[in-house]
Amino acid sequence: MSTKNIVQLTLANNRLDRQCYHSLSKFLEKKSPLKILELDENPIDDVGCAQRFSEAVIAHPSLEKLMVDNCGLGNNTQILSAIASTMNG
């Protein structure tokens, strides 16, 4: 299956782990035409993973909407700091 034409990807409530977020970051780094990414209900609990994912999201040229409800981002100050550090550039 080709991923070059995916414009919307819904992965909500799929128990994504660190490896899944790593793979998703690699996918985003390929600059696909993705516009909407839904990740609701998939906790991000690894600082390094959160930072790399954040960098990939920020650098993505066409992503317009990222949904991360109930991913635990507001519960972990280390994760929030890692994400914030990618935005100070």
C-alpha atoms as a PDB file:
ATOM      1  CA  MET A   1       0.000   0.000   0.000  1.00  0.00           C
ATOM      2  CA  SER A   2       1.329   3.400  -0.953  1.00  0.00           C
ATOM      3  CA  THR A   3       1.308   6.118   1.687  1.00  0.00           C
ATOM      4  CA  LYS A   4       2.021   9.014  -0.652  1.00  0.00           C
ATOM      5  CA  ASN A   5      -1.660   9.933  -1.107  1.00  0.00           C
ATOM      6  CA  ILE A   6      -2.908   9.715   2.493  1.00  0.00           C
ATOM      7  CA  VAL A   7      -4.498  13.037   3.529  1.00  0.00           C
ATOM      8  CA  GLN A   8      -6.306  11.859   6.682  1.00  0.00           C
ATOM      9  CA  LEU A   9      -5.136   9.259   9.171  1.00  0.00           C
ATOM     10  CA  THR A  10      -7.222   8.174  12.158  1.00  0.00           C
ATOM     11  CA  LEU A  11      -5.413   6.117  14.786  1.00  0.00           C
ATOM     12  CA  ALA A  12      -7.554   7.049  17.777  1.00  0.00           C
ATOM     13  CA  ASN A  13      -7.778   4.575  20.641  1.00  0.00           C
ATOM     14  CA  ASN A  14      -5.246   2.118  19.214  1.00  0.00           C
ATOM     15  CA  ARG A  15      -2.858   1.778  22.168  1.00  0.00           C
ATOM     16  CA  LEU A  16       0.030   3.306  20.260  1.00  0.00           C
ATOM     17  CA  ASP A  17       3.338   2.712  21.986  1.00  0.00           C
ATOM     18  CA  ARG A  18       6.764   4.338  21.742  1.00  0.00           C
ATOM     19  CA  GLN A  19       7.650   2.341  18.614  1.00  0.00           C
ATOM     20  CA  CYS A  20       4.381   3.376  16.939  1.00  0.00           C
ATOM     21  CA  TYR A  21       5.093   7.050  17.615  1.00  0.00           C
ATOM     22  CA  HIS A  22       8.632   6.555  16.298  1.00  0.00           C
ATOM     23  CA  SER A  23       7.241   5.060  13.073  1.00  0.00           C
ATOM     24  CA  LEU A  24       4.658   7.814  12.821  1.00  0.00           C
ATOM     25  CA  SER A  25       7.422  10.424  13.186  1.00  0.00           C
ATOM     26  CA  LYS A  26       9.342   8.764  10.339  1.00  0.00           C
ATOM     27  CA  PHE A  27       6.173   8.821   8.224  1.00  0.00           C
ATOM     28  CA  LEU A  28       5.685  12.546   8.895  1.00  0.00           C
ATOM     29  CA  GLU A  29       9.328  13.258   8.040  1.00  0.00           C
ATOM     30  CA  LYS A  30       8.656  11.927   4.529  1.00  0.00           C
ATOM     31  CA  LYS A  31       6.523  15.046   3.893  1.00  0.00           C
ATOM     32  CA  SER A  32       3.382  13.202   2.805  1.00  0.00           C
ATOM     33  CA  PRO A  33       0.301  15.249   1.821  1.00  0.00           C
ATOM     34  CA  LEU A  34      -1.290  14.406   5.190  1.00  0.00           C
ATOM     35  CA  LYS A  35      -3.633  17.158   6.411  1.00  0.00           C
ATOM     36  CA  ILE A  36      -5.441  15.552   9.378  1.00  0.00           C
ATOM     37  CA  LEU A  37      -3.952  13.242  12.010  1.00  0.00           C
ATOM     38  CA  GLU A  38      -6.158  11.898  14.797  1.00  0.00           C
ATOM     39  CA  LEU A  39      -4.394  10.275  17.752  1.00  0.00           C
ATOM     40  CA  ASP A  40      -6.970  10.712  20.523  1.00  0.00           C
ATOM     41  CA  GLU A  41      -6.772   8.246  23.441  1.00  0.00           C
ATOM     42  CA  ASN A  42      -3.161   7.190  22.719  1.00  0.00           C
ATOM     43  CA  PRO A  43      -0.962   8.230  25.664  1.00  0.00           C
ATOM     44  CA  ILE A  44       2.427   9.711  24.858  1.00  0.00           C
ATOM     45  CA  ASP A  45       4.562   8.832  27.856  1.00  0.00           C
ATOM     46  CA  ASP A  46       8.136   8.808  26.567  1.00  0.00           C
ATOM     47  CA  VAL A  47       9.987  12.147  26.612  1.00  0.00           C
ATOM     48  CA  GLY A  48      12.299  11.415  23.686  1.00  0.00           C
ATOM     49  CA  CYS A  49       9.452  10.060  21.625  1.00  0.00           C
ATOM     50  CA  ALA A  50       7.312  13.117  22.369  1.00  0.00           C
ATOM     51  CA  GLN A  51      10.114  15.448  21.367  1.00  0.00           C
ATOM     52  CA  ARG A  52      10.817  13.702  18.067  1.00  0.00           C
ATOM     53  CA  PHE A  53       7.127  13.467  17.253  1.00  0.00           C
ATOM     54  CA  SER A  54       6.671  17.163  18.018  1.00  0.00           C
ATOM     55  CA  GLU A  55       9.570  18.080  15.745  1.00  0.00           C
ATOM     56  CA  ALA A  56       8.088  15.989  12.931  1.00  0.00           C
ATOM     57  CA  VAL A  57       4.654  17.604  13.365  1.00  0.00           C
ATOM     58  CA  ILE A  58       6.081  21.132  13.388  1.00  0.00           C
ATOM     59  CA  ALA A  59       8.197  20.498  10.285  1.00  0.00           C
ATOM     60  CA  HIS A  60       5.402  18.834   8.316  1.00  0.00           C
ATOM     61  CA  PRO A  61       4.422  21.126   5.424  1.00  0.00           C
ATOM     62  CA  SER A  62       0.741  20.248   5.004  1.00  0.00           C
ATOM     63  CA  LEU A  63      -0.555  19.053   8.383  1.00  0.00           C
ATOM     64  CA  GLU A  64      -3.479  21.283   9.311  1.00  0.00           C
ATOM     65  CA  LYS A  65      -5.133  19.443  12.185  1.00  0.00           C
ATOM     66  CA  LEU A  66      -3.668  17.273  14.936  1.00  0.00           C
ATOM     67  CA  MET A  67      -6.051  15.701  17.434  1.00  0.00           C
ATOM     68  CA  VAL A  68      -4.477  14.477  20.690  1.00  0.00           C
ATOM     69  CA  ASP A  69      -7.351  14.520  23.184  1.00  0.00           C
ATOM     70  CA  ASN A  70      -6.764  12.300  26.210  1.00  0.00           C
ATOM     71  CA  CYS A  71      -3.159  11.541  25.316  1.00  0.00           C
ATOM     72  CA  GLY A  72      -1.987  12.576  28.770  1.00  0.00           C
ATOM     73  CA  LEU A  73      -0.013  15.584  27.582  1.00  0.00           C
ATOM     74  CA  GLY A  74      -1.304  17.822  30.368  1.00  0.00           C
ATOM     75  CA  ASN A  75      -0.387  15.287  33.048  1.00  0.00           C
ATOM     76  CA  ASN A  76       3.356  15.093  32.474  1.00  0.00           C
ATOM     77  CA  THR A  77       5.520  18.197  32.835  1.00  0.00           C
ATOM     78  CA  GLN A  78       8.545  16.436  31.310  1.00  0.00           C
ATOM     79  CA  ILE A  79       6.586  15.653  28.155  1.00  0.00           C
ATOM     80  CA  LEU A  80       5.251  19.218  27.981  1.00  0.00           C
ATOM     81  CA  SER A  81       8.773  20.594  28.416  1.00  0.00           C
ATOM     82  CA  ALA A  82      10.094  18.333  25.657  1.00  0.00           C
ATOM     83  CA  ILE A  83       7.353  19.474  23.289  1.00  0.00           C
ATOM     84  CA  ALA A  84       7.838  23.120  24.233  1.00  0.00           C
ATOM     85  CA  SER A  85      11.586  22.871  23.568  1.00  0.00           C
ATOM     86  CA  THR A  86      10.871  21.926  19.955  1.00  0.00           C
ATOM     87  CA  MET A  87       8.768  25.071  19.509  1.00  0.00           C
ATOM     88  CA  ASN A  88      11.509  27.486  20.558  1.00  0.00           C
ATOM     89  CA  GLY A  89      13.326  27.555  17.301  1.00  0.00           C
END
